[in-house]
Amino acid sequence: MCPPDGLNEATETSFLHHSSVYTVNTPTKEKKYKCIAKVGNEKFVKYRLSNLISFANFLDRAWKDWRWFNVYDKRTGEQLANYTRKNRPTSKHL
């Protein structure tokens, strides 16, 4: 029996279809960065992400009073960049 269109035989995020297990064929994004953002007078939040522009837009929606965020390499922990509400990222990746 062939899997339905857009599906393949795999083991992640699976569902049962006619007694066979298939997964939705979705590419996984590797999270490249860890970011720490200051979102209030005394509040900080930490996120793992791969798109810096989308993250800045997310902060605008979710944390209207965010002030800045620092970008760190996911593996080494080295700080790569920092951004503010006025000094925003200009590309998705560093």
PDB file of N, CA and C in Angstrom:
ATOM      1  N   MET A   1       0.844  -1.180   0.000  1.00  0.00           N
ATOM      2  CA  MET A   1       0.000   0.000   0.000  1.00  0.00           C
ATOM      3  C   MET A   1       0.887   1.240   0.000  1.00  0.00           C
ATOM      4  N   CYS A   2       0.636   2.183  -0.892  1.00  0.00           N
ATOM      5  CA  CYS A   2       1.412   3.423  -0.996  1.00  0.00           C
ATOM      6  C   CYS A   2       0.856   4.463  -0.042  1.00  0.00           C
ATOM      7  N   PRO A   3       1.730   5.291   0.525  1.00  0.00           N
ATOM      8  CA  PRO A   3       1.235   6.354   1.399  1.00  0.00           C
ATOM      9  C   PRO A   3       0.488   7.415   0.599  1.00  0.00           C
ATOM     10  N   PRO A   4      -0.452   8.103   1.219  1.00  0.00           N
ATOM     11  CA  PRO A   4      -1.156   9.190   0.536  1.00  0.00           C
ATOM     12  C   PRO A   4      -0.182  10.283   0.104  1.00  0.00           C
ATOM     13  N   ASP A   5      -0.586  11.114  -0.854  1.00  0.00           N
ATOM     14  CA  ASP A   5       0.267  12.204  -1.335  1.00  0.00           C
ATOM     15  C   ASP A   5       0.743  13.078  -0.187  1.00  0.00           C
ATOM     16  N   GLY A   6       2.008  13.497  -0.242  1.00  0.00           N
ATOM     17  CA  GLY A   6       2.570  14.385   0.768  1.00  0.00           C
ATOM     18  C   GLY A   6       3.018  13.666   2.027  1.00  0.00           C
ATOM     19  N   LEU A   7       2.943  12.340   2.045  1.00  0.00           N
ATOM     20  CA  LEU A   7       3.335  11.586   3.229  1.00  0.00           C
ATOM     21  C   LEU A   7       4.411  10.582   2.848  1.00  0.00           C
ATOM     22  N   ASN A   8       5.200  10.182   3.831  1.00  0.00           N
ATOM     23  CA  ASN A   8       6.188   9.135   3.605  1.00  0.00           C
ATOM     24  C   ASN A   8       6.237   8.235   4.824  1.00  0.00           C
ATOM     25  N   GLU A   9       6.847   7.087   4.663  1.00  0.00           N
ATOM     26  CA  GLU A   9       6.965   6.184   5.792  1.00  0.00           C
ATOM     27  C   GLU A   9       8.119   6.665   6.657  1.00  0.00           C
ATOM     28  N   ALA A  10       7.830   7.089   7.851  1.00  0.00           N
ATOM     29  CA  ALA A  10       8.848   7.556   8.791  1.00  0.00           C
ATOM     30  C   ALA A  10       8.310   7.361  10.193  1.00  0.00           C
ATOM     31  N   THR A  11       9.035   7.834  11.181  1.00  0.00           N
ATOM     32  CA  THR A  11       8.630   7.527  12.546  1.00  0.00           C
ATOM     33  C   THR A  11       8.277   8.724  13.401  1.00  0.00           C
ATOM     34  N   GLU A  12       8.478   9.972  12.929  1.00  0.00           N
ATOM     35  CA  GLU A  12       8.158  11.134  13.746  1.00  0.00           C
ATOM     36  C   GLU A  12       6.783  11.690  13.405  1.00  0.00           C
ATOM     37  N   THR A  13       6.135  12.324  14.350  1.00  0.00           N
ATOM     38  CA  THR A  13       4.846  12.989  14.190  1.00  0.00           C
ATOM     39  C   THR A  13       3.915  12.131  13.342  1.00  0.00           C
ATOM     40  N   SER A  14       3.645  10.949  13.797  1.00  0.00           N
ATOM     41  CA  SER A  14       2.929   9.999  12.965  1.00  0.00           C
ATOM     42  C   SER A  14       1.457   9.915  13.306  1.00  0.00           C
ATOM     43  N   PHE A  15       0.694   9.334  12.382  1.00  0.00           N
ATOM     44  CA  PHE A  15      -0.709   9.051  12.600  1.00  0.00           C
ATOM     45  C   PHE A  15      -1.042   7.748  11.895  1.00  0.00           C
ATOM     46  N   LEU A  16      -2.134   7.135  12.271  1.00  0.00           N
ATOM     47  CA  LEU A  16      -2.521   5.845  11.732  1.00  0.00           C
ATOM     48  C   LEU A  16      -3.423   6.035  10.531  1.00  0.00           C
ATOM     49  N   HIS A  17      -3.113   5.393   9.408  1.00  0.00           N
ATOM     50  CA  HIS A  17      -3.910   5.484   8.186  1.00  0.00           C
ATOM     51  C   HIS A  17      -4.000   4.086   7.586  1.00  0.00           C
ATOM     52  N   HIS A  18      -5.141   3.466   7.645  1.00  0.00           N
ATOM     53  CA  HIS A  18      -5.358   2.119   7.103  1.00  0.00           C
ATOM     54  C   HIS A  18      -4.324   1.141   7.629  1.00  0.00           C
ATOM     55  N   SER A  19      -4.113   1.109   8.908  1.00  0.00           N
ATOM     56  CA  SER A  19      -3.209   0.188   9.579  1.00  0.00           C
ATOM     57  C   SER A  19      -1.735   0.394   9.257  1.00  0.00           C
ATOM     58  N   SER A  20      -1.376   1.509   8.639  1.00  0.00           N
ATOM     59  CA  SER A  20       0.027   1.824   8.385  1.00  0.00           C
ATOM     60  C   SER A  20       0.348   3.159   9.034  1.00  0.00           C
ATOM     61  N   VAL A  21       1.564   3.330   9.465  1.00  0.00           N
ATOM     62  CA  VAL A  21       1.974   4.563  10.115  1.00  0.00           C
ATOM     63  C   VAL A  21       2.728   5.416   9.098  1.00  0.00           C
ATOM     64  N   TYR A  22       2.308   6.689   8.953  1.00  0.00           N
ATOM     65  CA  TYR A  22       2.938   7.642   8.043  1.00  0.00           C
ATOM     66  C   TYR A  22       3.175   8.946   8.778  1.00  0.00           C
ATOM     67  N   THR A  23       4.027   9.768   8.234  1.00  0.00           N
ATOM     68  CA  THR A  23       4.259  11.087   8.811  1.00  0.00           C
ATOM     69  C   THR A  23       4.058  12.150   7.755  1.00  0.00           C
ATOM     70  N   VAL A  24       3.687  13.314   8.226  1.00  0.00           N
ATOM     71  CA  VAL A  24       3.582  14.447   7.321  1.00  0.00           C
ATOM     72  C   VAL A  24       4.990  14.837   6.921  1.00  0.00           C
ATOM     73  N   ASN A  25       5.197  15.033   5.643  1.00  0.00           N
ATOM     74  CA  ASN A  25       6.524  15.323   5.103  1.00  0.00           C
ATOM     75  C   ASN A  25       6.856  16.795   5.295  1.00  0.00           C
ATOM     76  N   THR A  26       7.306  17.173   6.500  1.00  0.00           N
ATOM     77  CA  THR A  26       7.631  18.564   6.794  1.00  0.00           C
ATOM     78  C   THR A  26       9.114  18.687   7.110  1.00  0.00           C
ATOM     79  N   PRO A  27       9.779  19.649   6.505  1.00  0.00           N
ATOM     80  CA  PRO A  27      11.193  19.838   6.822  1.00  0.00           C
ATOM     81  C   PRO A  27      11.345  20.403   8.229  1.00  0.00           C
ATOM     82  N   THR A  28      12.375  19.964   8.927  1.00  0.00           N
ATOM     83  CA  THR A  28      12.621  20.481  10.263  1.00  0.00           C
ATOM     84  C   THR A  28      13.636  21.607  10.166  1.00  0.00           C
ATOM     85  N   LYS A  29      13.378  22.686  10.877  1.00  0.00           N
ATOM     86  CA  LYS A  29      14.294  23.816  10.906  1.00  0.00           C
ATOM     87  C   LYS A  29      15.231  23.644  12.085  1.00  0.00           C
ATOM     88  N   GLU A  30      16.499  23.786  11.823  1.00  0.00           N
ATOM     89  CA  GLU A  30      17.451  23.753  12.918  1.00  0.00           C
ATOM     90  C   GLU A  30      17.493  25.135  13.548  1.00  0.00           C
ATOM     91  N   LYS A  31      17.363  25.186  14.850  1.00  0.00           N
ATOM     92  CA  LYS A  31      17.459  26.452  15.567  1.00  0.00           C
ATOM     93  C   LYS A  31      18.936  26.808  15.687  1.00  0.00           C
ATOM     94  N   LYS A  32      19.317  27.943  15.122  1.00  0.00           N
ATOM     95  CA  LYS A  32      20.721  28.331  15.073  1.00  0.00           C
ATOM     96  C   LYS A  32      21.148  29.213  16.228  1.00  0.00           C
ATOM     97  N   TYR A  33      20.189  29.937  16.809  1.00  0.00           N
ATOM     98  CA  TYR A  33      20.543  30.937  17.802  1.00  0.00           C
ATOM     99  C   TYR A  33      19.739  30.761  19.087  1.00  0.00           C
ATOM    100  N   LYS A  34      20.326  31.265  20.177  1.00  0.00           N
ATOM    101  CA  LYS A  34      19.586  31.467  21.424  1.00  0.00           C
ATOM    102  C   LYS A  34      19.542  32.973  21.616  1.00  0.00           C
ATOM    103  N   CYS A  35      18.380  33.492  21.983  1.00  0.00           N
ATOM    104  CA  CYS A  35      18.255  34.931  22.203  1.00  0.00           C
ATOM    105  C   CYS A  35      17.681  35.194  23.578  1.00  0.00           C
ATOM    106  N   ILE A  36      18.212  36.191  24.225  1.00  0.00           N
ATOM    107  CA  ILE A  36      17.676  36.666  25.491  1.00  0.00           C
ATOM    108  C   ILE A  36      17.203  38.088  25.252  1.00  0.00           C
ATOM    109  N   ALA A  37      15.928  38.333  25.565  1.00  0.00           N
ATOM    110  CA  ALA A  37      15.333  39.649  25.321  1.00  0.00           C
ATOM    111  C   ALA A  37      14.885  40.268  26.623  1.00  0.00           C
ATOM    112  N   LYS A  38      15.085  41.569  26.746  1.00  0.00           N
ATOM    113  CA  LYS A  38      14.548  42.320  27.878  1.00  0.00           C
ATOM    114  C   LYS A  38      13.182  42.832  27.451  1.00  0.00           C
ATOM    115  N   VAL A  39      12.142  42.381  28.158  1.00  0.00           N
ATOM    116  CA  VAL A  39      10.770  42.677  27.726  1.00  0.00           C
ATOM    117  C   VAL A  39       9.998  43.525  28.723  1.00  0.00           C
ATOM    118  N   GLY A  40      10.619  43.951  29.758  1.00  0.00           N
ATOM    119  CA  GLY A  40       9.986  44.814  30.748  1.00  0.00           C
ATOM    120  C   GLY A  40      11.071  45.441  31.603  1.00  0.00           C
ATOM    121  N   ASN A  41      10.652  46.118  32.659  1.00  0.00           N
ATOM    122  CA  ASN A  41      11.651  46.749  33.533  1.00  0.00           C
ATOM    123  C   ASN A  41      12.591  45.735  34.167  1.00  0.00           C
ATOM    124  N   GLU A  42      12.048  44.585  34.571  1.00  0.00           N
ATOM    125  CA  GLU A  42      12.863  43.572  35.240  1.00  0.00           C
ATOM    126  C   GLU A  42      12.646  42.181  34.689  1.00  0.00           C
ATOM    127  N   LYS A  43      12.042  42.039  33.507  1.00  0.00           N
ATOM    128  CA  LYS A  43      11.735  40.728  32.958  1.00  0.00           C
ATOM    129  C   LYS A  43      12.584  40.443  31.725  1.00  0.00           C
ATOM    130  N   PHE A  44      13.122  39.212  31.686  1.00  0.00           N
ATOM    131  CA  PHE A  44      13.906  38.730  30.558  1.00  0.00           C
ATOM    132  C   PHE A  44      13.305  37.407  30.095  1.00  0.00           C
ATOM    133  N   VAL A  45      13.321  37.168  28.776  1.00  0.00           N
ATOM    134  CA  VAL A  45      12.837  35.901  28.226  1.00  0.00           C
ATOM    135  C   VAL A  45      13.903  35.330  27.307  1.00  0.00           C
ATOM    136  N   LYS A  46      13.892  33.995  27.174  1.00  0.00           N
ATOM    137  CA  LYS A  46      14.890  33.304  26.368  1.00  0.00           C
ATOM    138  C   LYS A  46      14.171  32.476  25.304  1.00  0.00           C
ATOM    139  N   TYR A  47      14.634  32.561  24.056  1.00  0.00           N
ATOM    140  CA  TYR A  47      14.044  31.817  22.946  1.00  0.00           C
ATOM    141  C   TYR A  47      15.142  31.174  22.117  1.00  0.00           C
ATOM    142  N   ARG A  48      14.803  30.072  21.469  1.00  0.00           N
ATOM    143  CA  ARG A  48      15.677  29.426  20.485  1.00  0.00           C
ATOM    144  C   ARG A  48      15.051  29.682  19.119  1.00  0.00           C
ATOM    145  N   LEU A  49      15.848  30.116  18.148  1.00  0.00           N
ATOM    146  CA  LEU A  49      15.274  30.525  16.868  1.00  0.00           C
ATOM    147  C   LEU A  49      16.287  30.422  15.758  1.00  0.00           C
ATOM    148  N   SER A  50      15.800  30.622  14.524  1.00  0.00           N
ATOM    149  CA  SER A  50      16.694  30.614  13.368  1.00  0.00           C
ATOM    150  C   SER A  50      16.504  31.834  12.476  1.00  0.00           C
ATOM    151  N   ASN A  51      15.458  32.640  12.675  1.00  0.00           N
ATOM    152  CA  ASN A  51      15.193  33.794  11.822  1.00  0.00           C
ATOM    153  C   ASN A  51      15.116  35.058  12.689  1.00  0.00           C
ATOM    154  N   LEU A  52      16.106  35.914  12.563  1.00  0.00           N
ATOM    155  CA  LEU A  52      16.193  37.100  13.417  1.00  0.00           C
ATOM    156  C   LEU A  52      15.119  38.140  13.101  1.00  0.00           C
ATOM    157  N   ILE A  53      14.789  38.319  11.826  1.00  0.00           N
ATOM    158  CA  ILE A  53      13.762  39.298  11.460  1.00  0.00           C
ATOM    159  C   ILE A  53      12.402  38.873  11.995  1.00  0.00           C
ATOM    160  N   SER A  54      12.065  37.602  11.823  1.00  0.00           N
ATOM    161  CA  SER A  54      10.789  37.094  12.348  1.00  0.00           C
ATOM    162  C   SER A  54      10.734  37.212  13.868  1.00  0.00           C
ATOM    163  N   PHE A  55      11.867  37.002  14.519  1.00  0.00           N
ATOM    164  CA  PHE A  55      11.898  37.108  15.971  1.00  0.00           C
ATOM    165  C   PHE A  55      11.617  38.545  16.417  1.00  0.00           C
ATOM    166  N   ALA A  56      12.220  39.528  15.753  1.00  0.00           N
ATOM    167  CA  ALA A  56      11.959  40.938  16.102  1.00  0.00           C
ATOM    168  C   ALA A  56      10.477  41.271  15.889  1.00  0.00           C
ATOM    169  N   ASN A  57       9.891  40.768  14.814  1.00  0.00           N
ATOM    170  CA  ASN A  57       8.462  40.988  14.567  1.00  0.00           C
ATOM    171  C   ASN A  57       7.607  40.302  15.624  1.00  0.00           C
ATOM    172  N   PHE A  58       8.010  39.101  16.041  1.00  0.00           N
ATOM    173  CA  PHE A  58       7.314  38.392  17.116  1.00  0.00           C
ATOM    174  C   PHE A  58       7.354  39.201  18.411  1.00  0.00           C
ATOM    175  N   LEU A  59       8.518  39.762  18.731  1.00  0.00           N
ATOM    176  CA  LEU A  59       8.624  40.571  19.948  1.00  0.00           C
ATOM    177  C   LEU A  59       7.680  41.769  19.888  1.00  0.00           C
ATOM    178  N   ASP A  60       7.550  42.385  18.716  1.00  0.00           N
ATOM    179  CA  ASP A  60       6.620  43.511  18.556  1.00  0.00           C
ATOM    180  C   ASP A  60       5.192  43.108  18.898  1.00  0.00           C
ATOM    181  N   ARG A  61       4.795  41.902  18.500  1.00  0.00           N
ATOM    182  CA  ARG A  61       3.428  41.434  18.754  1.00  0.00           C
ATOM    183  C   ARG A  61       3.237  40.928  20.181  1.00  0.00           C
ATOM    184  N   ALA A  62       4.178  40.122  20.655  1.00  0.00           N
ATOM    185  CA  ALA A  62       3.999  39.445  21.941  1.00  0.00           C
ATOM    186  C   ALA A  62       4.422  40.285  23.144  1.00  0.00           C
ATOM    187  N   TRP A  63       5.432  41.099  22.982  1.00  0.00           N
ATOM    188  CA  TRP A  63       5.987  41.899  24.074  1.00  0.00           C
ATOM    189  C   TRP A  63       6.122  43.329  23.587  1.00  0.00           C
ATOM    190  N   LYS A  64       5.064  44.070  23.617  1.00  0.00           N
ATOM    191  CA  LYS A  64       5.045  45.422  23.041  1.00  0.00           C
ATOM    192  C   LYS A  64       6.080  46.369  23.650  1.00  0.00           C
ATOM    193  N   ASP A  65       6.494  46.093  24.887  1.00  0.00           N
ATOM    194  CA  ASP A  65       7.471  46.978  25.538  1.00  0.00           C
ATOM    195  C   ASP A  65       8.890  46.394  25.558  1.00  0.00           C
ATOM    196  N   TRP A  66       9.212  45.495  24.616  1.00  0.00           N
ATOM    197  CA  TRP A  66      10.566  44.939  24.601  1.00  0.00           C
ATOM    198  C   TRP A  66      11.568  46.044  24.311  1.00  0.00           C
ATOM    199  N   ARG A  67      12.776  45.883  24.842  1.00  0.00           N
ATOM    200  CA  ARG A  67      13.795  46.930  24.710  1.00  0.00           C
ATOM    201  C   ARG A  67      14.970  46.504  23.851  1.00  0.00           C
ATOM    202  N   TRP A  68      15.495  45.308  24.089  1.00  0.00           N
ATOM    203  CA  TRP A  68      16.642  44.823  23.333  1.00  0.00           C
ATOM    204  C   TRP A  68      16.687  43.302  23.391  1.00  0.00           C
ATOM    205  N   PHE A  69      17.469  42.712  22.486  1.00  0.00           N
ATOM    206  CA  PHE A  69      17.768  41.285  22.612  1.00  0.00           C
ATOM    207  C   PHE A  69      19.186  41.006  22.152  1.00  0.00           C
ATOM    208  N   ASN A  70      19.819  40.047  22.815  1.00  0.00           N
ATOM    209  CA  ASN A  70      21.157  39.583  22.486  1.00  0.00           C
ATOM    210  C   ASN A  70      21.037  38.253  21.776  1.00  0.00           C
ATOM    211  N   VAL A  71      21.903  38.029  20.795  1.00  0.00           N
ATOM    212  CA  VAL A  71      21.904  36.799  20.013  1.00  0.00           C
ATOM    213  C   VAL A  71      23.166  36.022  20.348  1.00  0.00           C
ATOM    214  N   TYR A  72      22.983  34.729  20.655  1.00  0.00           N
ATOM    215  CA  TYR A  72      24.093  33.848  21.024  1.00  0.00           C
ATOM    216  C   TYR A  72      24.133  32.641  20.096  1.00  0.00           C
ATOM    217  N   ASP A  73      25.331  32.125  19.840  1.00  0.00           N
ATOM    218  CA  ASP A  73      25.471  30.882  19.093  1.00  0.00           C
ATOM    219  C   ASP A  73      24.888  29.749  19.926  1.00  0.00           C
ATOM    220  N   LYS A  74      24.092  28.910  19.302  1.00  0.00           N
ATOM    221  CA  LYS A  74      23.407  27.845  20.028  1.00  0.00           C
ATOM    222  C   LYS A  74      24.394  26.863  20.669  1.00  0.00           C
ATOM    223  N   ARG A  75      25.470  26.555  19.973  1.00  0.00           N
ATOM    224  CA  ARG A  75      26.393  25.536  20.486  1.00  0.00           C
ATOM    225  C   ARG A  75      27.454  26.080  21.429  1.00  0.00           C
ATOM    226  N   THR A  76      28.057  27.211  21.072  1.00  0.00           N
ATOM    227  CA  THR A  76      29.182  27.718  21.871  1.00  0.00           C
ATOM    228  C   THR A  76      28.747  28.663  22.980  1.00  0.00           C
ATOM    229  N   GLY A  77      27.592  29.298  22.820  1.00  0.00           N
ATOM    230  CA  GLY A  77      27.153  30.275  23.806  1.00  0.00           C
ATOM    231  C   GLY A  77      27.778  31.645  23.626  1.00  0.00           C
ATOM    232  N   GLU A  78      28.597  31.803  22.580  1.00  0.00           N
ATOM    233  CA  GLU A  78      29.254  33.082  22.313  1.00  0.00           C
ATOM    234  C   GLU A  78      28.235  34.109  21.814  1.00  0.00           C
ATOM    235  N   GLN A  79      28.321  35.330  22.350  1.00  0.00           N
ATOM    236  CA  GLN A  79      27.417  36.388  21.890  1.00  0.00           C
ATOM    237  C   GLN A  79      27.838  36.829  20.491  1.00  0.00           C
ATOM    238  N   LEU A  80      26.839  36.855  19.573  1.00  0.00           N
ATOM    239  CA  LEU A  80      27.100  37.197  18.179  1.00  0.00           C
ATOM    240  C   LEU A  80      26.654  38.598  17.808  1.00  0.00           C
ATOM    241  N   ALA A  81      25.567  39.067  18.419  1.00  0.00           N
ATOM    242  CA  ALA A  81      25.023  40.382  18.062  1.00  0.00           C
ATOM    243  C   ALA A  81      24.051  40.837  19.141  1.00  0.00           C
ATOM    244  N   ASN A  82      23.668  42.105  19.054  1.00  0.00           N
ATOM    245  CA  ASN A  82      22.593  42.625  19.905  1.00  0.00           C
ATOM    246  C   ASN A  82      21.783  43.626  19.094  1.00  0.00           C
ATOM    247  N   TYR A  83      20.492  43.701  19.396  1.00  0.00           N
ATOM    248  CA  TYR A  83      19.569  44.560  18.654  1.00  0.00           C
ATOM    249  C   TYR A  83      18.644  45.280  19.626  1.00  0.00           C
ATOM    250  N   THR A  84      18.107  46.405  19.165  1.00  0.00           N
ATOM    251  CA  THR A  84      17.131  47.170  19.943  1.00  0.00           C
ATOM    252  C   THR A  84      15.899  47.409  19.070  1.00  0.00           C
ATOM    253  N   ARG A  85      14.920  48.098  19.636  1.00  0.00           N
ATOM    254  CA  ARG A  85      13.712  48.409  18.863  1.00  0.00           C
ATOM    255  C   ARG A  85      14.054  49.274  17.639  1.00  0.00           C
ATOM    256  N   LYS A  86      15.060  50.132  17.771  1.00  0.00           N
ATOM    257  CA  LYS A  86      15.443  51.016  16.655  1.00  0.00           C
ATOM    258  C   LYS A  86      16.562  50.435  15.795  1.00  0.00           C
ATOM    259  N   ASN A  87      17.427  49.644  16.381  1.00  0.00           N
ATOM    260  CA  ASN A  87      18.502  48.975  15.646  1.00  0.00           C
ATOM    261  C   ASN A  87      18.096  47.516  15.456  1.00  0.00           C
ATOM    262  N   ARG A  88      17.307  47.260  14.398  1.00  0.00           N
ATOM    263  CA  ARG A  88      16.724  45.949  14.171  1.00  0.00           C
ATOM    264  C   ARG A  88      17.599  45.122  13.225  1.00  0.00           C
ATOM    265  N   PRO A  89      17.436  43.785  13.255  1.00  0.00           N
ATOM    266  CA  PRO A  89      18.192  42.959  12.300  1.00  0.00           C
ATOM    267  C   PRO A  89      17.764  43.255  10.862  1.00  0.00           C
ATOM    268  N   THR A  90      18.710  43.223   9.926  1.00  0.00           N
ATOM    269  CA  THR A  90      18.412  43.494   8.519  1.00  0.00           C
ATOM    270  C   THR A  90      18.429  42.230   7.666  1.00  0.00           C
ATOM    271  N   SER A  91      18.837  41.105   8.255  1.00  0.00           N
ATOM    272  CA  SER A  91      18.800  39.832   7.533  1.00  0.00           C
ATOM    273  C   SER A  91      18.354  38.731   8.485  1.00  0.00           C
ATOM    274  N   LYS A  92      17.922  37.613   7.900  1.00  0.00           N
ATOM    275  CA  LYS A  92      17.421  36.504   8.712  1.00  0.00           C
ATOM    276  C   LYS A  92      18.531  35.844   9.518  1.00  0.00           C
ATOM    277  N   HIS A  93      19.726  35.816   8.964  1.00  0.00           N
ATOM    278  CA  HIS A  93      20.865  35.135   9.599  1.00  0.00           C
ATOM    279  C   HIS A  93      22.058  36.079   9.695  1.00  0.00           C
ATOM    280  N   LEU A  94      22.952  35.771  10.610  1.00  0.00           N
ATOM    281  CA  LEU A  94      24.195  36.548  10.744  1.00  0.00           C
ATOM    282  C   LEU A  94      25.253  36.005   9.819  1.00  0.00           C
TER     283      LEU A  94
END
